Full PDB file with SEQRES, HELIX, SHEET, SSBOND, CRYST1, ORIGX, SCALE, CONECT and MASTER records, all heavy atoms in Angstrom:
SEQRES   1 A   39  GLY LEU ILE ARG TYR VAL THR GLU HIS SER GLN ILE PRO          
SEQRES   2 A   39  VAL ILE GLN HIS PHE LYS GLY VAL CYS HIS LEU PHE ILE          
SEQRES   3 A   39  ASP LYS PHE ALA ASP ILE ASN LYS ALA VAL ASN ILE LEU          
HELIX    1 AA1 LEU A    2  HIS A    9  1                                   8    
HELIX    2 AA2 ILE A   32  ILE A   38  1                                   7    
CRYST1    1.000    1.000    1.000  90.00  90.00  90.00 P 1           1          
ORIGX1      1.000000  0.000000  0.000000        0.00000                         
ORIGX2      0.000000  1.000000  0.000000        0.00000                         
ORIGX3      0.000000  0.000000  1.000000        0.00000                         
SCALE1      1.000000  0.000000  0.000000        0.00000                         
SCALE2      0.000000  1.000000  0.000000        0.00000                         
SCALE3      0.000000  0.000000  1.000000        0.00000                         
ATOM      1  N   GLY A   1       5.092 -18.918 -13.508  1.00  0.00           N  
ATOM      2  CA  GLY A   1       5.941 -19.500 -14.434  1.00  0.00           C  
ATOM      3  C   GLY A   1       5.574 -20.966 -14.907  1.00  0.00           C  
ATOM      4  O   GLY A   1       5.558 -21.246 -16.156  1.00  0.00           O  
ATOM      5  N   LEU A   2       5.273 -21.708 -13.934  1.00  0.00           N  
ATOM      6  CA  LEU A   2       4.841 -23.081 -14.163  1.00  0.00           C  
ATOM      7  C   LEU A   2       3.561 -23.075 -14.988  1.00  0.00           C  
ATOM      8  O   LEU A   2       3.368 -23.854 -15.967  1.00  0.00           O  
ATOM      9  CB  LEU A   2       4.559 -23.786 -12.834  1.00  0.00           C  
ATOM     10  CG  LEU A   2       3.951 -25.230 -12.945  1.00  0.00           C  
ATOM     11  CD1 LEU A   2       4.907 -26.227 -13.659  1.00  0.00           C  
ATOM     12  CD2 LEU A   2       3.573 -25.809 -11.698  1.00  0.00           C  
ATOM     13  N   ILE A   3       2.584 -22.266 -14.564  1.00  0.00           N  
ATOM     14  CA  ILE A   3       1.331 -22.397 -15.196  1.00  0.00           C  
ATOM     15  C   ILE A   3       1.405 -21.898 -16.658  1.00  0.00           C  
ATOM     16  O   ILE A   3       0.726 -22.428 -17.577  1.00  0.00           O  
ATOM     17  CB  ILE A   3       0.275 -21.500 -14.383  1.00  0.00           C  
ATOM     18  CG1 ILE A   3      -0.005 -22.179 -13.005  1.00  0.00           C  
ATOM     19  CG2 ILE A   3      -1.044 -21.375 -15.131  1.00  0.00           C  
ATOM     20  CD1 ILE A   3      -0.777 -21.342 -11.986  1.00  0.00           C  
ATOM     21  N   ARG A   4       2.154 -20.826 -16.890  1.00  0.00           N  
ATOM     22  CA  ARG A   4       2.396 -20.386 -18.285  1.00  0.00           C  
ATOM     23  C   ARG A   4       3.060 -21.405 -19.145  1.00  0.00           C  
ATOM     24  O   ARG A   4       2.741 -21.626 -20.311  1.00  0.00           O  
ATOM     25  CB  ARG A   4       3.143 -19.034 -18.328  1.00  0.00           C  
ATOM     26  CG  ARG A   4       2.294 -17.822 -17.736  1.00  0.00           C  
ATOM     27  CD  ARG A   4       2.850 -16.505 -18.142  1.00  0.00           C  
ATOM     28  NE  ARG A   4       2.103 -15.410 -17.570  1.00  0.00           N  
ATOM     29  CZ  ARG A   4       0.913 -15.003 -18.169  1.00  0.00           C  
ATOM     30  NH1 ARG A   4       0.443 -15.490 -19.206  1.00  0.00           N  
ATOM     31  NH2 ARG A   4       0.278 -14.036 -17.484  1.00  0.00           N  
ATOM     32  N   TYR A   5       4.012 -22.097 -18.533  1.00  0.00           N  
ATOM     33  CA  TYR A   5       4.736 -23.158 -19.221  1.00  0.00           C  
ATOM     34  C   TYR A   5       3.774 -24.302 -19.634  1.00  0.00           C  
ATOM     35  O   TYR A   5       3.760 -24.719 -20.812  1.00  0.00           O  
ATOM     36  CB  TYR A   5       5.833 -23.753 -18.406  1.00  0.00           C  
ATOM     37  CG  TYR A   5       6.615 -24.899 -19.075  1.00  0.00           C  
ATOM     38  CD1 TYR A   5       7.711 -24.647 -19.903  1.00  0.00           C  
ATOM     39  CD2 TYR A   5       6.150 -26.206 -18.969  1.00  0.00           C  
ATOM     40  CE1 TYR A   5       8.325 -25.698 -20.540  1.00  0.00           C  
ATOM     41  CE2 TYR A   5       6.875 -27.221 -19.554  1.00  0.00           C  
ATOM     42  CZ  TYR A   5       7.921 -26.983 -20.337  1.00  0.00           C  
ATOM     43  OH  TYR A   5       8.580 -27.976 -20.972  1.00  0.00           O  
ATOM     44  N   VAL A   6       2.909 -24.650 -18.693  1.00  0.00           N  
ATOM     45  CA  VAL A   6       1.925 -25.730 -19.037  1.00  0.00           C  
ATOM     46  C   VAL A   6       0.993 -25.376 -20.058  1.00  0.00           C  
ATOM     47  O   VAL A   6       0.606 -26.047 -21.019  1.00  0.00           O  
ATOM     48  CB  VAL A   6       1.193 -26.128 -17.642  1.00  0.00           C  
ATOM     49  CG1 VAL A   6       0.030 -27.051 -17.992  1.00  0.00           C  
ATOM     50  CG2 VAL A   6       2.169 -26.848 -16.698  1.00  0.00           C  
ATOM     51  N   THR A   7       0.438 -24.087 -19.927  1.00  0.00           N  
ATOM     52  CA  THR A   7      -0.512 -23.546 -20.890  1.00  0.00           C  
ATOM     53  C   THR A   7       0.100 -23.492 -22.298  1.00  0.00           C  
ATOM     54  O   THR A   7      -0.620 -23.883 -23.351  1.00  0.00           O  
ATOM     55  CB  THR A   7      -0.983 -22.121 -20.495  1.00  0.00           C  
ATOM     56  OG1 THR A   7      -1.530 -22.197 -19.192  1.00  0.00           O  
ATOM     57  CG2 THR A   7      -1.964 -21.589 -21.486  1.00  0.00           C  
ATOM     58  N   GLU A   8       1.345 -23.070 -22.443  1.00  0.00           N  
ATOM     59  CA  GLU A   8       1.966 -22.867 -23.663  1.00  0.00           C  
ATOM     60  C   GLU A   8       2.329 -24.261 -24.354  1.00  0.00           C  
ATOM     61  O   GLU A   8       2.336 -24.348 -25.588  1.00  0.00           O  
ATOM     62  CB  GLU A   8       3.233 -22.041 -23.553  1.00  0.00           C  
ATOM     63  CG  GLU A   8       2.987 -20.641 -23.304  1.00  0.00           C  
ATOM     64  CD  GLU A   8       4.222 -19.869 -22.853  1.00  0.00           C  
ATOM     65  OE1 GLU A   8       5.312 -20.480 -22.888  1.00  0.00           O  
ATOM     66  OE2 GLU A   8       4.087 -18.671 -22.464  1.00  0.00           O  
ATOM     67  N   HIS A   9       2.531 -25.292 -23.590  1.00  0.00           N  
ATOM     68  CA  HIS A   9       2.985 -26.547 -24.046  1.00  0.00           C  
ATOM     69  C   HIS A   9       1.888 -27.639 -24.223  1.00  0.00           C  
ATOM     70  O   HIS A   9       2.149 -28.717 -24.762  1.00  0.00           O  
ATOM     71  CB  HIS A   9       4.128 -27.128 -23.354  1.00  0.00           C  
ATOM     72  CG  HIS A   9       5.429 -26.288 -23.535  1.00  0.00           C  
ATOM     73  ND1 HIS A   9       5.632 -25.160 -22.889  1.00  0.00           N  
ATOM     74  CD2 HIS A   9       6.497 -26.523 -24.322  1.00  0.00           C  
ATOM     75  CE1 HIS A   9       6.853 -24.742 -23.227  1.00  0.00           C  
ATOM     76  NE2 HIS A   9       7.412 -25.481 -24.097  1.00  0.00           N  
ATOM     77  N   SER A  10       0.746 -27.405 -23.674  1.00  0.00           N  
ATOM     78  CA  SER A  10      -0.291 -28.426 -23.593  1.00  0.00           C  
ATOM     79  C   SER A  10      -1.123 -28.588 -24.848  1.00  0.00           C  
ATOM     80  O   SER A  10      -1.528 -27.567 -25.416  1.00  0.00           O  
ATOM     81  CB  SER A  10      -1.248 -28.214 -22.399  1.00  0.00           C  
ATOM     82  OG  SER A  10      -2.132 -29.230 -22.264  1.00  0.00           O  
ATOM     83  N   GLN A  11      -1.367 -29.891 -25.229  1.00  0.00           N  
ATOM     84  CA  GLN A  11      -2.335 -30.165 -26.213  1.00  0.00           C  
ATOM     85  C   GLN A  11      -3.678 -30.556 -25.714  1.00  0.00           C  
ATOM     86  O   GLN A  11      -4.604 -30.922 -26.330  1.00  0.00           O  
ATOM     87  CB  GLN A  11      -1.805 -31.313 -27.124  1.00  0.00           C  
ATOM     88  CG  GLN A  11      -0.484 -31.010 -27.818  1.00  0.00           C  
ATOM     89  CD  GLN A  11      -0.019 -32.234 -28.666  1.00  0.00           C  
ATOM     90  OE1 GLN A  11      -0.694 -33.146 -28.872  1.00  0.00           O  
ATOM     91  NE2 GLN A  11       1.245 -32.078 -29.103  1.00  0.00           N  
ATOM     92  N   ILE A  12      -3.804 -30.393 -24.321  1.00  0.00           N  
ATOM     93  CA  ILE A  12      -4.966 -30.822 -23.585  1.00  0.00           C  
ATOM     94  C   ILE A  12      -5.544 -29.485 -22.908  1.00  0.00           C  
ATOM     95  O   ILE A  12      -4.762 -28.611 -22.616  1.00  0.00           O  
ATOM     96  CB  ILE A  12      -4.595 -31.791 -22.464  1.00  0.00           C  
ATOM     97  CG1 ILE A  12      -3.810 -33.020 -23.042  1.00  0.00           C  
ATOM     98  CG2 ILE A  12      -5.762 -32.258 -21.644  1.00  0.00           C  
ATOM     99  CD1 ILE A  12      -3.044 -33.781 -22.083  1.00  0.00           C  
ATOM    100  N   PRO A  13      -6.881 -29.350 -22.799  1.00  0.00           N  
ATOM    101  CA  PRO A  13      -7.375 -28.193 -22.088  1.00  0.00           C  
ATOM    102  C   PRO A  13      -6.739 -28.002 -20.700  1.00  0.00           C  
ATOM    103  O   PRO A  13      -6.553 -29.002 -19.985  1.00  0.00           O  
ATOM    104  CB  PRO A  13      -8.886 -28.530 -22.005  1.00  0.00           C  
ATOM    105  CG  PRO A  13      -9.175 -29.405 -23.114  1.00  0.00           C  
ATOM    106  CD  PRO A  13      -7.940 -30.207 -23.315  1.00  0.00           C  
ATOM    107  N   VAL A  14      -6.476 -26.768 -20.337  1.00  0.00           N  
ATOM    108  CA  VAL A  14      -5.770 -26.458 -19.128  1.00  0.00           C  
ATOM    109  C   VAL A  14      -6.588 -25.447 -18.321  1.00  0.00           C  
ATOM    110  O   VAL A  14      -7.107 -24.458 -18.798  1.00  0.00           O  
ATOM    111  CB  VAL A  14      -4.417 -25.750 -19.448  1.00  0.00           C  
ATOM    112  CG1 VAL A  14      -3.652 -25.367 -18.079  1.00  0.00           C  
ATOM    113  CG2 VAL A  14      -3.487 -26.711 -20.149  1.00  0.00           C  
ATOM    114  N   ILE A  15      -6.731 -25.777 -16.984  1.00  0.00           N  
ATOM    115  CA  ILE A  15      -7.342 -24.781 -16.115  1.00  0.00           C  
ATOM    116  C   ILE A  15      -6.288 -23.802 -15.678  1.00  0.00           C  
ATOM    117  O   ILE A  15      -5.220 -24.173 -15.121  1.00  0.00           O  
ATOM    118  CB  ILE A  15      -7.878 -25.514 -14.778  1.00  0.00           C  
ATOM    119  CG1 ILE A  15      -9.104 -26.451 -15.178  1.00  0.00           C  
ATOM    120  CG2 ILE A  15      -8.219 -24.501 -13.718  1.00  0.00           C  
ATOM    121  CD1 ILE A  15     -10.348 -25.602 -15.617  1.00  0.00           C  
ATOM    122  N   GLN A  16      -6.481 -22.522 -15.920  1.00  0.00           N  
ATOM    123  CA  GLN A  16      -5.444 -21.577 -15.760  1.00  0.00           C  
ATOM    124  C   GLN A  16      -5.758 -20.656 -14.571  1.00  0.00           C  
ATOM    125  O   GLN A  16      -6.905 -20.251 -14.273  1.00  0.00           O  
ATOM    126  CB  GLN A  16      -5.324 -20.665 -16.963  1.00  0.00           C  
ATOM    127  CG  GLN A  16      -4.928 -21.413 -18.212  1.00  0.00           C  
ATOM    128  CD  GLN A  16      -5.147 -20.540 -19.479  1.00  0.00           C  
ATOM    129  OE1 GLN A  16      -5.693 -19.546 -19.520  1.00  0.00           O  
ATOM    130  NE2 GLN A  16      -4.682 -21.120 -20.615  1.00  0.00           N  
ATOM    131  N   HIS A  17      -4.707 -20.339 -13.819  1.00  0.00           N  
ATOM    132  CA  HIS A  17      -4.775 -19.384 -12.758  1.00  0.00           C  
ATOM    133  C   HIS A  17      -3.383 -18.772 -12.588  1.00  0.00           C  
ATOM    134  O   HIS A  17      -2.586 -19.342 -11.885  1.00  0.00           O  
ATOM    135  CB  HIS A  17      -5.251 -20.026 -11.421  1.00  0.00           C  
ATOM    136  CG  HIS A  17      -5.008 -19.130 -10.165  1.00  0.00           C  
ATOM    137  ND1 HIS A  17      -4.486 -19.654  -9.066  1.00  0.00           N  
ATOM    138  CD2 HIS A  17      -5.141 -17.832 -10.052  1.00  0.00           C  
ATOM    139  CE1 HIS A  17      -4.339 -18.686  -8.165  1.00  0.00           C  
ATOM    140  NE2 HIS A  17      -4.635 -17.588  -8.741  1.00  0.00           N  
ATOM    141  N   PHE A  18      -3.113 -17.781 -13.439  1.00  0.00           N  
ATOM    142  CA  PHE A  18      -1.792 -17.226 -13.479  1.00  0.00           C  
ATOM    143  C   PHE A  18      -1.320 -16.542 -12.186  1.00  0.00           C  
ATOM    144  O   PHE A  18      -0.227 -16.759 -11.628  1.00  0.00           O  
ATOM    145  CB  PHE A  18      -1.623 -16.282 -14.726  1.00  0.00           C  
ATOM    146  CG  PHE A  18      -1.810 -16.961 -15.989  1.00  0.00           C  
ATOM    147  CD1 PHE A  18      -2.806 -16.624 -16.878  1.00  0.00           C  
ATOM    148  CD2 PHE A  18      -0.954 -17.969 -16.372  1.00  0.00           C  
ATOM    149  CE1 PHE A  18      -2.947 -17.273 -18.093  1.00  0.00           C  
ATOM    150  CE2 PHE A  18      -1.074 -18.586 -17.638  1.00  0.00           C  
ATOM    151  CZ  PHE A  18      -2.068 -18.242 -18.430  1.00  0.00           C  
ATOM    152  N   LYS A  19      -2.231 -15.685 -11.685  1.00  0.00           N  
ATOM    153  CA  LYS A  19      -1.888 -14.968 -10.475  1.00  0.00           C  
ATOM    154  C   LYS A  19      -3.167 -14.312  -9.882  1.00  0.00           C  
ATOM    155  O   LYS A  19      -4.294 -14.350 -10.540  1.00  0.00           O  
ATOM    156  CB  LYS A  19      -0.815 -13.908 -10.677  1.00  0.00           C  
ATOM    157  CG  LYS A  19      -1.262 -12.830 -11.723  1.00  0.00           C  
ATOM    158  CD  LYS A  19      -0.080 -11.849 -11.886  1.00  0.00           C  
ATOM    159  CE  LYS A  19      -0.424 -10.743 -12.902  1.00  0.00           C  
ATOM    160  NZ  LYS A  19       0.694  -9.776 -13.032  1.00  0.00           N  
ATOM    161  N   GLY A  20      -3.056 -13.868  -8.647  1.00  0.00           N  
ATOM    162  CA  GLY A  20      -4.175 -13.280  -7.951  1.00  0.00           C  
ATOM    163  C   GLY A  20      -3.918 -11.880  -7.600  1.00  0.00           C  
ATOM    164  O   GLY A  20      -3.355 -11.579  -6.548  1.00  0.00           O  
ATOM    165  N   VAL A  21      -4.265 -10.902  -8.490  1.00  0.00           N  
ATOM    166  CA  VAL A  21      -4.127  -9.490  -8.132  1.00  0.00           C  
ATOM    167  C   VAL A  21      -5.544  -9.086  -7.646  1.00  0.00           C  
ATOM    168  O   VAL A  21      -6.367  -8.656  -8.393  1.00  0.00           O  
ATOM    169  CB  VAL A  21      -3.741  -8.711  -9.279  1.00  0.00           C  
ATOM    170  CG1 VAL A  21      -3.617  -7.152  -8.987  1.00  0.00           C  
ATOM    171  CG2 VAL A  21      -2.381  -9.127  -9.837  1.00  0.00           C  
ATOM    172  N   CYS A  22      -5.739  -9.242  -6.334  1.00  0.00           N  
ATOM    173  CA  CYS A  22      -7.029  -8.939  -5.801  1.00  0.00           C  
ATOM    174  C   CYS A  22      -7.168  -7.452  -5.263  1.00  0.00           C  
ATOM    175  O   CYS A  22      -6.314  -6.994  -4.638  1.00  0.00           O  
ATOM    176  CB  CYS A  22      -7.265  -9.927  -4.528  1.00  0.00           C  
ATOM    177  SG  CYS A  22      -7.132 -11.586  -4.965  1.00  0.00           S  
ATOM    178  N   HIS A  23      -8.269  -6.876  -5.687  1.00  0.00           N  
ATOM    179  CA  HIS A  23      -8.485  -5.415  -5.307  1.00  0.00           C  
ATOM    180  C   HIS A  23      -9.528  -5.279  -4.258  1.00  0.00           C  
ATOM    181  O   HIS A  23     -10.540  -6.045  -4.103  1.00  0.00           O  
ATOM    182  CB  HIS A  23      -9.083  -4.725  -6.553  1.00  0.00           C  
ATOM    183  CG  HIS A  23      -8.067  -4.683  -7.734  1.00  0.00           C  
ATOM    184  ND1 HIS A  23      -7.947  -5.746  -8.555  1.00  0.00           N  
ATOM    185  CD2 HIS A  23      -7.279  -3.695  -8.203  1.00  0.00           C  
ATOM    186  CE1 HIS A  23      -7.044  -5.387  -9.535  1.00  0.00           C  
ATOM    187  NE2 HIS A  23      -6.578  -4.191  -9.253  1.00  0.00           N  
ATOM    188  N   LEU A  24      -9.322  -4.276  -3.483  1.00  0.00           N  
ATOM    189  CA  LEU A  24     -10.272  -3.812  -2.453  1.00  0.00           C  
ATOM    190  C   LEU A  24     -10.671  -2.335  -2.713  1.00  0.00           C  
ATOM    191  O   LEU A  24      -9.741  -1.456  -2.726  1.00  0.00           O  
ATOM    192  CB  LEU A  24      -9.690  -3.881  -0.997  1.00  0.00           C  
ATOM    193  CG  LEU A  24     -10.485  -3.238   0.138  1.00  0.00           C  
ATOM    194  CD1 LEU A  24     -11.939  -3.910   0.261  1.00  0.00           C  
ATOM    195  CD2 LEU A  24      -9.825  -3.281   1.474  1.00  0.00           C  
ATOM    196  N   PHE A  25     -11.956  -2.039  -3.003  1.00  0.00           N  
ATOM    197  CA  PHE A  25     -12.392  -0.669  -3.267  1.00  0.00           C  
ATOM    198  C   PHE A  25     -13.137  -0.193  -2.074  1.00  0.00           C  
ATOM    199  O   PHE A  25     -14.202  -0.785  -1.654  1.00  0.00           O  
ATOM    200  CB  PHE A  25     -13.260  -0.658  -4.468  1.00  0.00           C  
ATOM    201  CG  PHE A  25     -13.945   0.621  -4.675  1.00  0.00           C  
ATOM    202  CD1 PHE A  25     -13.236   1.861  -4.549  1.00  0.00           C  
ATOM    203  CD2 PHE A  25     -15.275   0.675  -5.070  1.00  0.00           C  
ATOM    204  CE1 PHE A  25     -13.863   3.093  -4.786  1.00  0.00           C  
ATOM    205  CE2 PHE A  25     -15.911   1.955  -5.278  1.00  0.00           C  
ATOM    206  CZ  PHE A  25     -15.221   3.104  -5.116  1.00  0.00           C  
ATOM    207  N   ILE A  26     -12.652   0.888  -1.415  1.00  0.00           N  
ATOM    208  CA  ILE A  26     -13.412   1.550  -0.318  1.00  0.00           C  
ATOM    209  C   ILE A  26     -14.211   2.717  -0.896  1.00  0.00           C  
ATOM    210  O   ILE A  26     -13.710   3.698  -1.324  1.00  0.00           O  
ATOM    211  CB  ILE A  26     -12.426   2.091   0.710  1.00  0.00           C  
ATOM    212  CG1 ILE A  26     -11.364   0.982   1.181  1.00  0.00           C  
ATOM    213  CG2 ILE A  26     -13.178   2.597   1.911  1.00  0.00           C  
ATOM    214  CD1 ILE A  26     -12.022  -0.244   1.700  1.00  0.00           C  
ATOM    215  N   ASP A  27     -15.483   2.437  -1.004  1.00  0.00           N  
ATOM    216  CA  ASP A  27     -16.452   3.393  -1.560  1.00  0.00           C  
ATOM    217  C   ASP A  27     -16.664   4.530  -0.597  1.00  0.00           C  
ATOM    218  O   ASP A  27     -16.459   4.462   0.578  1.00  0.00           O  
ATOM    219  CB  ASP A  27     -17.820   2.646  -1.846  1.00  0.00           C  
ATOM    220  CG  ASP A  27     -18.786   3.545  -2.562  1.00  0.00           C  
ATOM    221  OD1 ASP A  27     -18.338   4.404  -3.464  1.00  0.00           O  
ATOM    222  OD2 ASP A  27     -19.967   3.508  -2.288  1.00  0.00           O  
ATOM    223  N   LYS A  28     -17.171   5.645  -1.117  1.00  0.00           N  
ATOM    224  CA  LYS A  28     -17.492   6.814  -0.299  1.00  0.00           C  
ATOM    225  C   LYS A  28     -18.505   6.553   0.748  1.00  0.00           C  
ATOM    226  O   LYS A  28     -18.626   7.272   1.782  1.00  0.00           O  
ATOM    227  CB  LYS A  28     -17.762   8.056  -1.082  1.00  0.00           C  
ATOM    228  CG  LYS A  28     -19.093   8.062  -1.844  1.00  0.00           C  
ATOM    229  CD  LYS A  28     -19.313   9.355  -2.678  1.00  0.00           C  
ATOM    230  CE  LYS A  28     -20.669   9.358  -3.407  1.00  0.00           C  
ATOM    231  NZ  LYS A  28     -20.862  10.670  -4.104  1.00  0.00           N  
ATOM    232  N   PHE A  29     -19.383   5.504   0.539  1.00  0.00           N  
ATOM    233  CA  PHE A  29     -20.374   5.202   1.517  1.00  0.00           C  
ATOM    234  C   PHE A  29     -19.974   4.036   2.334  1.00  0.00           C  
ATOM    235  O   PHE A  29     -20.875   3.276   2.911  1.00  0.00           O  
ATOM    236  CB  PHE A  29     -21.711   4.855   0.716  1.00  0.00           C  
ATOM    237  CG  PHE A  29     -22.259   6.019  -0.024  1.00  0.00           C  
ATOM    238  CD1 PHE A  29     -22.251   6.047  -1.490  1.00  0.00           C  
ATOM    239  CD2 PHE A  29     -22.712   7.166   0.686  1.00  0.00           C  
ATOM    240  CE1 PHE A  29     -22.812   7.062  -2.122  1.00  0.00           C  
ATOM    241  CE2 PHE A  29     -23.212   8.278  -0.067  1.00  0.00           C  
ATOM    242  CZ  PHE A  29     -23.279   8.247  -1.472  1.00  0.00           C  
ATOM    243  N   ALA A  30     -18.629   3.797   2.446  1.00  0.00           N  
ATOM    244  CA  ALA A  30     -18.212   2.620   3.262  1.00  0.00           C  
ATOM    245  C   ALA A  30     -18.349   2.903   4.816  1.00  0.00           C  
ATOM    246  O   ALA A  30     -18.318   3.990   5.238  1.00  0.00           O  
ATOM    247  CB  ALA A  30     -16.732   2.362   2.937  1.00  0.00           C  
ATOM    248  N   ASP A  31     -18.585   1.830   5.484  1.00  0.00           N  
ATOM    249  CA  ASP A  31     -18.487   1.775   6.964  1.00  0.00           C  
ATOM    250  C   ASP A  31     -16.932   1.714   7.248  1.00  0.00           C  
ATOM    251  O   ASP A  31     -16.324   0.725   6.896  1.00  0.00           O  
ATOM    252  CB  ASP A  31     -19.252   0.597   7.508  1.00  0.00           C  
ATOM    253  CG  ASP A  31     -19.148   0.559   9.076  1.00  0.00           C  
ATOM    254  OD1 ASP A  31     -18.033   0.442   9.635  1.00  0.00           O  
ATOM    255  OD2 ASP A  31     -20.224   0.479   9.708  1.00  0.00           O  
ATOM    256  N   ILE A  32     -16.417   2.743   7.973  1.00  0.00           N  
ATOM    257  CA  ILE A  32     -15.000   2.824   8.159  1.00  0.00           C  
ATOM    258  C   ILE A  32     -14.463   1.634   8.965  1.00  0.00           C  
ATOM    259  O   ILE A  32     -13.364   1.104   8.587  1.00  0.00           O  
ATOM    260  CB  ILE A  32     -14.647   4.162   8.866  1.00  0.00           C  
ATOM    261  CG1 ILE A  32     -14.979   5.363   7.926  1.00  0.00           C  
ATOM    262  CG2 ILE A  32     -13.163   4.240   9.254  1.00  0.00           C  
ATOM    263  CD1 ILE A  32     -14.118   5.424   6.697  1.00  0.00           C  
ATOM    264  N   ASN A  33     -15.154   1.268  10.022  1.00  0.00           N  
ATOM    265  CA  ASN A  33     -14.596   0.209  10.859  1.00  0.00           C  
ATOM    266  C   ASN A  33     -14.545  -1.124  10.012  1.00  0.00           C  
ATOM    267  O   ASN A  33     -13.581  -1.906  10.102  1.00  0.00           O  
ATOM    268  CB  ASN A  33     -15.499  -0.062  12.077  1.00  0.00           C  
ATOM    269  CG  ASN A  33     -15.349   1.128  13.089  1.00  0.00           C  
ATOM    270  OD1 ASN A  33     -14.247   1.663  13.211  1.00  0.00           O  
ATOM    271  ND2 ASN A  33     -16.351   1.387  13.806  1.00  0.00           N  
ATOM    272  N   LYS A  34     -15.568  -1.403   9.260  1.00  0.00           N  
ATOM    273  CA  LYS A  34     -15.591  -2.592   8.445  1.00  0.00           C  
ATOM    274  C   LYS A  34     -14.470  -2.506   7.381  1.00  0.00           C  
ATOM    275  O   LYS A  34     -13.765  -3.456   7.158  1.00  0.00           O  
ATOM    276  CB  LYS A  34     -16.907  -2.732   7.680  1.00  0.00           C  
ATOM    277  CG  LYS A  34     -18.151  -3.062   8.519  1.00  0.00           C  
ATOM    278  CD  LYS A  34     -19.432  -3.103   7.639  1.00  0.00           C  
ATOM    279  CE  LYS A  34     -20.661  -3.305   8.455  1.00  0.00           C  
ATOM    280  NZ  LYS A  34     -21.847  -3.242   7.582  1.00  0.00           N  
ATOM    281  N   ALA A  35     -14.261  -1.360   6.811  1.00  0.00           N  
ATOM    282  CA  ALA A  35     -13.265  -1.153   5.846  1.00  0.00           C  
ATOM    283  C   ALA A  35     -11.838  -1.372   6.339  1.00  0.00           C  
ATOM    284  O   ALA A  35     -11.033  -2.080   5.696  1.00  0.00           O  
ATOM    285  CB  ALA A  35     -13.328   0.319   5.151  1.00  0.00           C  
ATOM    286  N   VAL A  36     -11.519  -0.925   7.559  1.00  0.00           N  
ATOM    287  CA  VAL A  36     -10.213  -1.097   8.095  1.00  0.00           C  
ATOM    288  C   VAL A  36     -10.003  -2.600   8.390  1.00  0.00           C  
ATOM    289  O   VAL A  36      -8.920  -3.127   8.111  1.00  0.00           O  
ATOM    290  CB  VAL A  36     -10.074  -0.248   9.381  1.00  0.00           C  
ATOM    291  CG1 VAL A  36      -8.783  -0.685  10.084  1.00  0.00           C  
ATOM    292  CG2 VAL A  36     -10.006   1.187   9.011  1.00  0.00           C  
ATOM    293  N   ASN A  37     -10.987  -3.214   8.998  1.00  0.00           N  
ATOM    294  CA  ASN A  37     -10.856  -4.649   9.360  1.00  0.00           C  
ATOM    295  C   ASN A  37     -10.742  -5.517   8.108  1.00  0.00           C  
ATOM    296  O   ASN A  37      -9.833  -6.449   8.103  1.00  0.00           O  
ATOM    297  CB  ASN A  37     -12.086  -5.134  10.141  1.00  0.00           C  
ATOM    298  CG  ASN A  37     -12.093  -4.504  11.547  1.00  0.00           C  
ATOM    299  OD1 ASN A  37     -11.120  -4.150  12.078  1.00  0.00           O  
ATOM    300  ND2 ASN A  37     -13.308  -4.378  12.140  1.00  0.00           N  
ATOM    301  N   ILE A  38     -11.478  -5.234   7.031  1.00  0.00           N  
ATOM    302  CA  ILE A  38     -11.400  -6.033   5.811  1.00  0.00           C  
ATOM    303  C   ILE A  38     -10.029  -5.809   5.139  1.00  0.00           C  
ATOM    304  O   ILE A  38      -9.461  -6.787   4.642  1.00  0.00           O  
ATOM    305  CB  ILE A  38     -12.545  -5.615   4.849  1.00  0.00           C  
ATOM    306  CG1 ILE A  38     -13.871  -6.216   5.498  1.00  0.00           C  
ATOM    307  CG2 ILE A  38     -12.330  -6.193   3.488  1.00  0.00           C  
ATOM    308  CD1 ILE A  38     -15.125  -5.753   4.813  1.00  0.00           C  
ATOM    309  N   LEU A  39      -9.477  -4.595   5.201  1.00  0.00           N  
ATOM    310  CA  LEU A  39      -8.197  -4.357   4.621  1.00  0.00           C  
ATOM    311  C   LEU A  39      -7.141  -5.097   5.378  1.00  0.00           C  
ATOM    312  O   LEU A  39      -6.294  -5.822   4.739  1.00  0.00           O  
ATOM    313  CB  LEU A  39      -7.875  -2.821   4.698  1.00  0.00           C  
ATOM    314  CG  LEU A  39      -6.397  -2.446   4.415  1.00  0.00           C  
ATOM    315  CD1 LEU A  39      -6.025  -2.843   2.948  1.00  0.00           C  
ATOM    316  CD2 LEU A  39      -6.153  -1.000   4.677  1.00  0.00           C  
TER     317      LEU A  39                                                      
MASTER        0    0    0    2    0    0    0    6  316    1    0    3          
END                                                                             
């Protein structure tokens, strides 16, 4: 909410980072132990 407010009201360039929707993809060739630990 803060970042969107700043972006919408600024007359100055803004560094934006609205949110972090980070994905983990476990491929069919994954090492299972690594995959579980990383998750």
